[in-house]
Protein backbone atom coordinates (compact mmCIF):
# COMPACT_ATOMS: atom_id res chain seq x y z
CA MET A 1 23.58 -33.36 -45.40
CA GLY A 2 25.07 -32.57 -42.01
CA ARG A 3 23.63 -33.14 -38.54
CA SER A 4 21.79 -29.84 -38.56
CA GLY A 5 20.23 -30.66 -41.91
CA HIS A 6 18.91 -34.00 -40.61
CA LEU A 7 17.47 -32.25 -37.56
CA VAL A 8 15.73 -29.61 -39.71
CA ALA A 9 14.29 -32.40 -41.80
CA GLY A 10 13.00 -34.01 -38.62
CA LEU A 11 10.87 -30.93 -37.94
CA THR A 12 8.45 -32.10 -40.64
CA HIS A 13 8.29 -35.73 -39.43
CA GLY A 14 4.85 -37.25 -38.99
CA ASN A 15 5.57 -38.26 -35.38
CA PRO A 16 5.16 -35.26 -32.99
CA ARG A 17 7.75 -36.72 -30.62
CA VAL A 18 10.34 -36.72 -33.40
CA ARG A 19 9.48 -33.13 -34.25
CA ALA A 20 9.81 -32.07 -30.61
CA TRP A 21 13.10 -33.92 -30.20
CA SER A 22 14.49 -32.40 -33.40
CA ALA A 23 13.50 -28.92 -32.22
CA GLU A 24 15.28 -29.43 -28.88
CA MET A 25 18.43 -30.68 -30.54
CA LEU A 26 18.56 -27.73 -32.89
CA GLY A 27 18.53 -25.43 -29.91
CA ALA A 28 21.36 -27.36 -28.30
CA GLU A 29 23.35 -27.22 -31.55
CA ARG A 30 23.05 -23.39 -31.60
CA SER A 31 22.40 -23.52 -35.32
CA LEU A 32 21.18 -20.11 -36.54
CA ASP A 33 20.02 -21.65 -39.79
CA ALA A 34 17.25 -23.33 -37.79
CA VAL A 35 15.58 -20.05 -36.72
CA ALA A 36 13.17 -19.87 -39.68
CA PRO A 37 12.06 -23.54 -39.51
CA LEU A 38 11.64 -23.33 -35.75
CA THR A 39 9.58 -20.18 -36.11
CA GLU A 40 7.27 -21.99 -38.52
CA LEU A 41 7.06 -24.86 -36.03
CA MET A 42 5.49 -22.48 -33.51
CA CYS A 43 2.24 -23.06 -35.44
CA ASP A 44 2.34 -26.83 -34.96
CA GLN A 45 -0.83 -28.48 -33.75
CA GLU A 46 0.90 -30.34 -30.90
CA PRO A 47 1.60 -28.32 -27.72
CA GLU A 48 4.68 -30.45 -27.01
CA VAL A 49 6.22 -29.47 -30.32
CA ARG A 50 5.40 -25.75 -29.93
CA ALA A 51 6.93 -25.73 -26.46
CA ALA A 52 10.15 -27.35 -27.69
CA ALA A 53 10.39 -24.89 -30.56
CA ALA A 54 9.92 -21.92 -28.18
CA LYS A 55 12.61 -23.21 -25.87
CA SER A 56 15.10 -23.63 -28.70
CA LEU A 57 14.34 -20.17 -30.13
CA GLY A 58 15.19 -18.67 -26.76
CA MET A 59 18.49 -20.56 -26.69
CA LEU A 60 19.37 -19.34 -30.21
CA GLY A 61 18.71 -15.70 -29.24
CA ASP A 62 17.83 -14.44 -32.70
CA PRO A 63 15.58 -11.29 -32.49
CA GLN A 64 13.75 -12.48 -35.63
CA ALA A 65 11.99 -15.04 -33.45
CA LEU A 66 10.54 -12.45 -31.06
CA PRO A 67 7.21 -11.85 -32.84
CA ALA A 68 6.45 -15.58 -32.80
CA LEU A 69 7.50 -15.89 -29.15
CA CYS A 70 5.34 -12.91 -28.09
CA ARG A 71 2.34 -14.47 -29.83
CA ALA A 72 3.09 -17.75 -28.04
CA LEU A 73 2.77 -15.96 -24.68
CA GLU A 74 -0.95 -15.94 -25.39
CA ASP A 75 -1.04 -19.68 -26.19
CA PRO A 76 -3.87 -21.40 -24.31
CA HIS A 77 -1.60 -24.33 -23.36
CA PRO A 78 0.43 -23.48 -20.22
CA ALA A 79 3.47 -25.51 -21.35
CA VAL A 80 3.76 -23.48 -24.54
CA SER A 81 3.18 -20.07 -22.95
CA GLY A 82 5.57 -20.91 -20.12
CA ALA A 83 8.31 -21.95 -22.54
CA ALA A 84 7.74 -18.80 -24.61
CA PHE A 85 7.91 -16.68 -21.42
CA GLU A 86 11.29 -18.09 -20.42
CA ALA A 87 12.55 -17.77 -23.97
CA THR A 88 11.48 -14.11 -24.19
CA LEU A 89 13.42 -13.24 -21.06
CA HIS A 90 16.65 -14.24 -22.82
CA PHE A 91 16.27 -11.19 -25.06
CA ARG A 92 15.79 -8.67 -22.24
CA LEU A 93 15.76 -5.11 -23.63
CA VAL A 94 15.46 -6.28 -27.24
CA ALA A 95 12.06 -7.85 -26.39
CA VAL A 96 10.53 -4.70 -24.87
CA THR A 97 9.25 -3.27 -28.16
CA GLN A 98 7.55 -6.52 -29.18
CA LEU A 99 6.05 -7.02 -25.73
CA CYS A 100 4.59 -3.52 -25.68
CA GLU A 101 3.17 -4.11 -29.14
CA ALA A 102 1.53 -7.26 -27.80
CA LEU A 103 -0.05 -5.17 -25.05
CA ARG A 104 -1.42 -2.79 -27.66
CA ARG A 105 -2.94 -5.74 -29.50
CA GLY A 106 -4.91 -6.69 -26.38
CA SER A 107 -2.83 -9.49 -24.93
CA TRP A 108 -4.18 -8.57 -21.47
CA GLU A 109 -7.45 -10.20 -22.48
CA ARG A 110 -5.85 -13.60 -23.13
CA SER A 111 -2.79 -13.93 -20.92
CA PRO A 112 -1.01 -11.98 -18.16
CA LEU A 113 2.41 -13.23 -19.27
CA VAL A 114 3.14 -10.28 -21.55
CA MET A 115 2.95 -7.88 -18.64
CA GLU A 116 4.75 -10.33 -16.42
CA ALA A 117 7.66 -10.49 -18.89
CA LEU A 118 7.87 -6.69 -18.91
CA VAL A 119 7.95 -6.66 -15.13
CA ARG A 120 10.74 -9.27 -15.10
CA ILE A 121 12.76 -7.18 -17.55
CA GLY A 122 12.45 -4.30 -15.07
CA ALA A 123 13.62 -0.72 -15.34
CA PRO A 124 14.73 -0.89 -19.01
CA ALA A 125 11.06 -1.35 -19.92
CA SER A 126 9.84 1.75 -18.01
CA GLY A 127 10.25 4.17 -20.88
CA SER A 128 8.20 2.09 -23.31
CA LEU A 129 5.53 1.49 -20.65
CA CYS A 130 5.25 5.21 -19.99
CA ALA A 131 4.67 5.71 -23.72
CA LEU A 132 1.73 3.30 -23.49
CA LEU A 133 -0.04 5.73 -21.11
CA SER A 134 -1.05 7.72 -24.19
CA SER A 135 -2.91 4.77 -25.71
CA PRO A 136 -6.60 5.44 -26.57
CA VAL A 137 -7.57 2.11 -24.95
CA TRP A 138 -7.97 2.48 -21.17
CA GLN A 139 -7.21 -1.21 -20.56
CA VAL A 140 -3.80 -0.77 -22.18
CA ARG A 141 -3.12 2.28 -19.98
CA GLN A 142 -4.21 0.34 -16.94
CA GLU A 143 -1.89 -2.57 -17.69
CA ALA A 144 1.01 -0.15 -18.25
CA VAL A 145 0.33 1.56 -14.89
CA ILE A 146 0.20 -1.78 -13.06
CA ALA A 147 3.48 -2.85 -14.66
CA LEU A 148 5.17 0.42 -13.71
CA GLY A 149 4.07 0.04 -10.14
CA ARG A 150 5.38 -3.50 -9.93
CA ILE A 151 8.71 -2.59 -11.54
CA GLY A 152 9.24 0.15 -8.96
CA ASP A 153 11.35 2.45 -11.09
CA PRO A 154 11.44 5.97 -9.50
CA SER A 155 11.78 7.53 -12.94
CA ALA A 156 8.18 6.61 -13.64
CA VAL A 157 6.72 8.76 -10.83
CA SER A 158 6.07 11.80 -13.03
CA ALA A 159 4.21 9.67 -15.58
CA LEU A 160 2.15 8.08 -12.85
CA ASN A 161 1.33 11.50 -11.41
CA ARG A 162 -0.05 12.47 -14.81
CA ALA A 163 -2.04 9.24 -14.89
CA MET A 164 -3.87 10.37 -11.74
CA SER A 165 -5.82 12.75 -14.02
CA ASP A 166 -6.77 10.00 -16.49
CA GLN A 167 -10.38 9.87 -17.71
CA SER A 168 -10.75 6.26 -16.57
CA GLU A 169 -11.35 5.72 -12.87
CA TRP A 170 -9.66 2.32 -13.19
CA VAL A 171 -6.47 3.90 -14.47
CA ARG A 172 -6.53 6.51 -11.69
CA ALA A 173 -7.00 3.86 -9.03
CA ARG A 174 -4.14 1.76 -10.37
CA ALA A 175 -1.95 4.84 -10.63
CA ALA A 176 -2.59 5.63 -6.97
CA GLU A 177 -1.74 2.04 -6.08
CA ALA A 178 1.52 2.24 -8.11
CA LEU A 179 2.50 5.50 -6.43
CA GLY A 180 1.97 3.85 -3.07
CA ARG A 181 4.22 0.98 -4.09
CA LEU A 182 6.92 3.47 -5.09
CA GLN A 183 6.44 5.42 -1.81
CA ALA A 184 7.06 8.61 -3.74
CA ALA A 185 6.83 11.69 -1.51
CA SER A 186 6.48 13.85 -4.61
CA ALA A 187 3.13 12.19 -5.27
CA VAL A 188 1.52 13.48 -2.03
CA PRO A 189 0.23 16.75 -3.60
CA VAL A 190 -1.45 14.64 -6.29
CA LEU A 191 -2.86 11.97 -3.96
CA ILE A 192 -4.43 14.42 -1.49
CA PRO A 193 -6.96 15.84 -4.04
CA ALA A 194 -7.69 12.26 -5.15
CA LEU A 195 -9.17 11.64 -1.69
CA ARG A 196 -12.19 13.63 -2.95
CA ASP A 197 -12.49 11.70 -6.23
CA LEU A 198 -16.00 10.59 -7.22
CA SER A 199 -14.76 6.99 -7.56
CA GLU A 200 -14.63 4.95 -4.35
CA GLY A 201 -11.77 2.88 -5.74
CA VAL A 202 -9.64 5.96 -6.36
CA ARG A 203 -10.28 7.31 -2.85
CA LEU A 204 -9.50 3.90 -1.36
CA GLN A 205 -6.23 3.41 -3.22
CA SER A 206 -5.17 6.98 -2.54
CA SER A 207 -5.67 6.46 1.19
CA ILE A 208 -3.66 3.23 1.07
CA ALA A 209 -0.91 4.96 -0.89
CA LEU A 210 -0.68 7.84 1.58
CA ALA A 211 -0.40 5.28 4.39
CA ARG A 212 2.58 3.71 2.64
CA ILE A 213 4.26 7.04 1.95
CA GLU A 214 3.78 8.23 5.57
CA ASP A 215 3.98 11.93 4.87
CA GLY A 216 2.59 14.26 7.55
CA ARG A 217 1.23 16.68 4.92
CA ALA A 218 -1.65 14.28 4.33
CA GLU A 219 -2.89 14.15 7.94
CA ASP A 220 -5.58 16.84 7.68
CA ALA A 221 -6.95 15.41 4.43
CA LEU A 222 -7.06 11.91 5.91
CA ILE A 223 -8.90 13.23 8.98
CA ARG A 224 -11.59 14.61 6.66
CA VAL A 225 -11.81 11.24 4.90
CA LEU A 226 -12.95 9.67 8.20
CA ASP A 227 -16.40 11.09 7.30
CA ASP A 228 -16.41 9.44 3.87
CA ARG A 229 -19.60 7.68 2.87
CA SER A 230 -17.68 4.48 2.05
CA GLY A 231 -16.78 2.14 4.91
CA PRO A 232 -13.62 0.72 3.26
CA VAL A 233 -12.37 4.24 2.54
CA ARG A 234 -12.90 5.29 6.18
CA SER A 235 -11.06 2.19 7.34
CA ALA A 236 -8.15 2.88 4.97
CA ALA A 237 -7.96 6.47 6.24
CA ALA A 238 -7.86 5.20 9.81
CA ASP A 239 -5.06 2.81 8.93
CA ALA A 240 -3.15 5.69 7.35
CA LEU A 241 -3.58 7.83 10.45
CA ALA A 242 -2.26 4.95 12.55
CA ARG A 243 1.04 5.49 10.79
CA LEU A 244 1.26 9.25 10.52
CA GLY A 245 -1.42 10.71 12.82
CA THR A 246 -0.62 13.08 15.68
CA GLU A 247 -2.57 14.21 18.73
CA ARG A 248 -4.98 16.28 16.70
CA ALA A 249 -6.23 13.08 15.02
CA ILE A 250 -7.38 11.51 18.30
CA LEU A 251 -10.80 13.18 18.56
CA PRO A 252 -11.74 12.53 14.88
CA LEU A 253 -10.65 8.92 15.32
CA ILE A 254 -12.77 8.62 18.44
CA SER A 255 -15.71 9.94 16.47
CA ALA A 256 -15.04 7.41 13.70
CA PHE A 257 -14.63 4.67 16.35
CA GLU A 258 -18.05 5.48 17.74
CA GLY A 259 -19.46 5.83 14.21
CA GLY A 260 -18.84 2.21 13.28
CA VAL A 261 -15.34 2.15 11.81
CA GLY A 262 -14.44 -0.16 14.67
CA PHE A 263 -11.21 -2.11 14.55
CA PRO A 264 -9.21 0.14 12.19
CA ALA A 265 -10.07 3.21 14.27
CA ALA A 266 -9.14 1.39 17.48
CA ARG A 267 -5.84 0.35 15.94
CA ALA A 268 -5.16 3.94 14.90
CA LEU A 269 -6.08 5.28 18.36
CA HIS A 270 -3.72 2.83 20.01
CA ALA A 271 -0.88 3.79 17.65
CA VAL A 272 -1.45 7.54 17.88
CA ALA A 273 -1.78 7.44 21.68
CA ALA A 274 1.55 5.62 21.88
CA ARG A 275 3.24 8.48 20.00
CA ALA A 276 1.29 11.36 21.49
CA PRO A 277 -0.62 10.52 24.72
CA SER A 278 -3.60 12.77 25.31
CA PRO A 279 -6.23 12.97 28.11
CA CYS A 280 -8.97 13.23 25.50
CA LEU A 281 -8.38 9.56 24.73
CA ARG A 282 -10.56 8.76 27.73
CA ALA A 283 -13.62 9.50 25.64
CA ALA A 284 -12.96 6.28 23.69
CA LEU A 285 -13.14 4.07 26.77
CA PRO A 286 -16.93 3.26 26.69
CA THR A 287 -16.81 2.36 22.99
CA ALA A 288 -13.66 0.28 23.45
CA ARG A 289 -15.33 -1.68 26.26
CA PHE A 290 -18.43 -2.18 24.12
CA TRP A 291 -16.42 -3.58 21.20
CA SER A 292 -14.32 -5.76 23.48
CA ARG A 293 -17.51 -7.56 24.64
CA THR A 294 -18.69 -8.21 21.08
CA PRO A 295 -18.95 -12.00 20.45
CA GLY A 296 -16.92 -13.59 17.65
CA LEU A 297 -13.85 -11.36 17.90
CA SER A 298 -10.62 -12.66 16.46
CA HIS A 299 -7.57 -13.00 18.64
CA GLU A 300 -6.01 -9.93 17.05
CA GLN A 301 -9.13 -7.82 17.64
CA ALA A 302 -9.58 -8.96 21.26
CA THR A 303 -5.89 -8.27 21.99
CA LEU A 304 -6.03 -4.81 20.48
CA TYR A 305 -9.19 -3.75 22.34
CA ALA A 306 -7.70 -5.01 25.62
CA ALA A 307 -4.49 -3.09 24.96
CA LEU A 308 -6.41 0.08 24.10
CA ILE A 309 -8.51 -0.17 27.28
CA GLN A 310 -5.40 -0.78 29.36
CA ARG A 311 -3.65 2.22 27.84
CA ILE A 312 -6.61 4.52 28.58
CA GLU A 313 -6.96 3.22 32.15
CA ASP A 314 -3.20 3.68 32.72
CA MET A 315 -3.44 7.29 31.52
CA THR A 316 -6.42 7.89 33.82
CA THR A 317 -4.60 6.40 36.79
CA ALA A 318 -1.49 8.43 36.06
CA SER A 319 -3.49 11.66 35.95
CA ARG A 320 -5.05 10.89 39.34
CA ASP A 321 -1.73 10.09 40.93
CA LEU A 322 -0.03 13.39 40.18
CA PRO A 323 2.61 14.26 42.80
CA VAL A 324 1.46 16.69 45.50
CA PRO A 325 4.06 19.32 46.54
CA ALA A 326 5.39 19.03 50.09
CA LEU A 327 3.81 21.34 52.70
CA PRO A 328 6.02 23.63 54.82
CA SER A 329 6.46 22.75 58.49
CA ALA A 330 4.39 24.48 61.20
CA GLY A 331 7.36 26.46 62.49
CA SER A 332 8.41 27.83 59.17
CA GLU A 333 8.70 31.57 58.90
CA ASN A 334 7.57 31.47 55.29
CA LEU A 335 4.21 30.00 56.21
CA PRO A 336 1.63 32.03 54.33
CA ARG A 337 -1.53 33.36 55.87
CA PRO A 338 -4.83 31.90 54.57
CA ALA A 339 -5.75 35.25 53.02
CA GLU A 340 -2.35 35.55 51.33
CA HIS A 341 -2.63 32.00 50.11
CA CYS A 342 -6.06 32.55 48.62
CA GLU A 343 -5.14 35.84 47.02
CA SER A 344 -2.03 34.35 45.49
CA ARG A 345 -4.03 31.53 43.88
CA SER A 346 -7.52 32.68 42.94
CA PRO A 347 -7.30 36.13 41.31
CA ALA A 348 -4.17 35.39 39.33
CA ARG A 349 -5.47 32.22 37.64
CA GLU A 350 -6.11 32.53 33.94
CA THR A 351 -8.43 29.52 33.83
CA PRO A 352 -11.24 28.59 36.25
CA PHE A 353 -10.87 25.77 38.72
CA THR A 354 -12.07 22.31 37.84
CA GLU A 355 -14.14 20.45 40.40
CA THR A 356 -11.18 18.40 41.59
CA GLN A 357 -8.92 21.44 41.83
CA SER A 358 -11.60 23.31 43.80
CA ARG A 359 -11.77 20.50 46.38
CA ARG A 360 -7.98 20.54 46.72
CA HIS A 361 -8.05 24.32 47.17
CA VAL A 362 -10.66 24.19 49.96
CA TRP A 363 -8.78 21.38 51.67
CA SER A 364 -5.53 23.36 51.52
CA TRP A 365 -7.18 26.41 53.05
CA ARG A 366 -8.59 24.39 55.94
CA HIS A 367 -5.21 22.75 56.44
CA TRP A 368 -3.48 26.12 56.80
CA ARG A 369 -6.09 27.22 59.34
CA GLN A 370 -5.43 24.14 61.46
CA VAL A 371 -1.68 24.60 61.21
CA GLU A 372 -1.94 28.28 62.16
CA ARG A 373 -4.06 27.50 65.21
CA GLY A 374 -1.42 25.09 66.33
């Protein structure tokens, strides 16, 4: 009997330490004859022995050991499941079929390591995960959608778009989250209708996904979501508009700001005003001052409210300090008569004077009269 034979015999020793040591040595020996005994050892009562057997099976790399290793991923002892996880990764693409079968059996109820192994394998597992989206069990479809989102393979976008019409609201919400992770612009036409989904979770994840994608086609839909009955959904829509909103989003954001959305709306107003300054932003000043005086604000909130107030006040000051054109000298030949001046201004205007402009007009007329009289 050679060394390998003695080690295989040690797998049945009464001392669990001897069994564990024999299992580790068989893995180091790279003896393929030990695959069957090591697979049987995966049912040992001692966690130490099962962990050693799983580690050695990974080192041997025989696909016949995959069913036992996939079952060990659900082992209640962390040392065993961790060793089986590392061993499964040695097989890469060969392990995908067995891992997907473990998902079908309901491994998600007992351990997250099956899905974690598929995520670690990466893009080669995307095709099999997309096939799981046709499973009759919604939990299996949900786990597949989560794994596809974490893998980040662009080839899965079309399958995730189809998952947005799944019967389960949990699957639809996870599909929206996955599309946001992928930042797929082709998913925008699917995510916009999802903003009207009956499920709050779907609407929330769709808003977050559109914020990550940053596609201007979603602006109008996100503005409408500011009136959603759910506070978290309104906040997510405001955060999305902070990234992709234009000047037309300012008034709806002000309305949301006054309606209780608070900090997310203020953050969006500050971001949109930085890209597209608008005089209508002044309407947010009273609400911004009110929120800035609220006790218990965090440093981030207090800083943002102060910055928003400062931006509005700077815009107001800038509008008051508009440059006034230079007046012609008293001896100028081109000095217009008061009647000429008034006729050239008033009848030809397409819009009525504001109060400030009216005052300036009267002052100008009196000034010309004084200049004319010398």
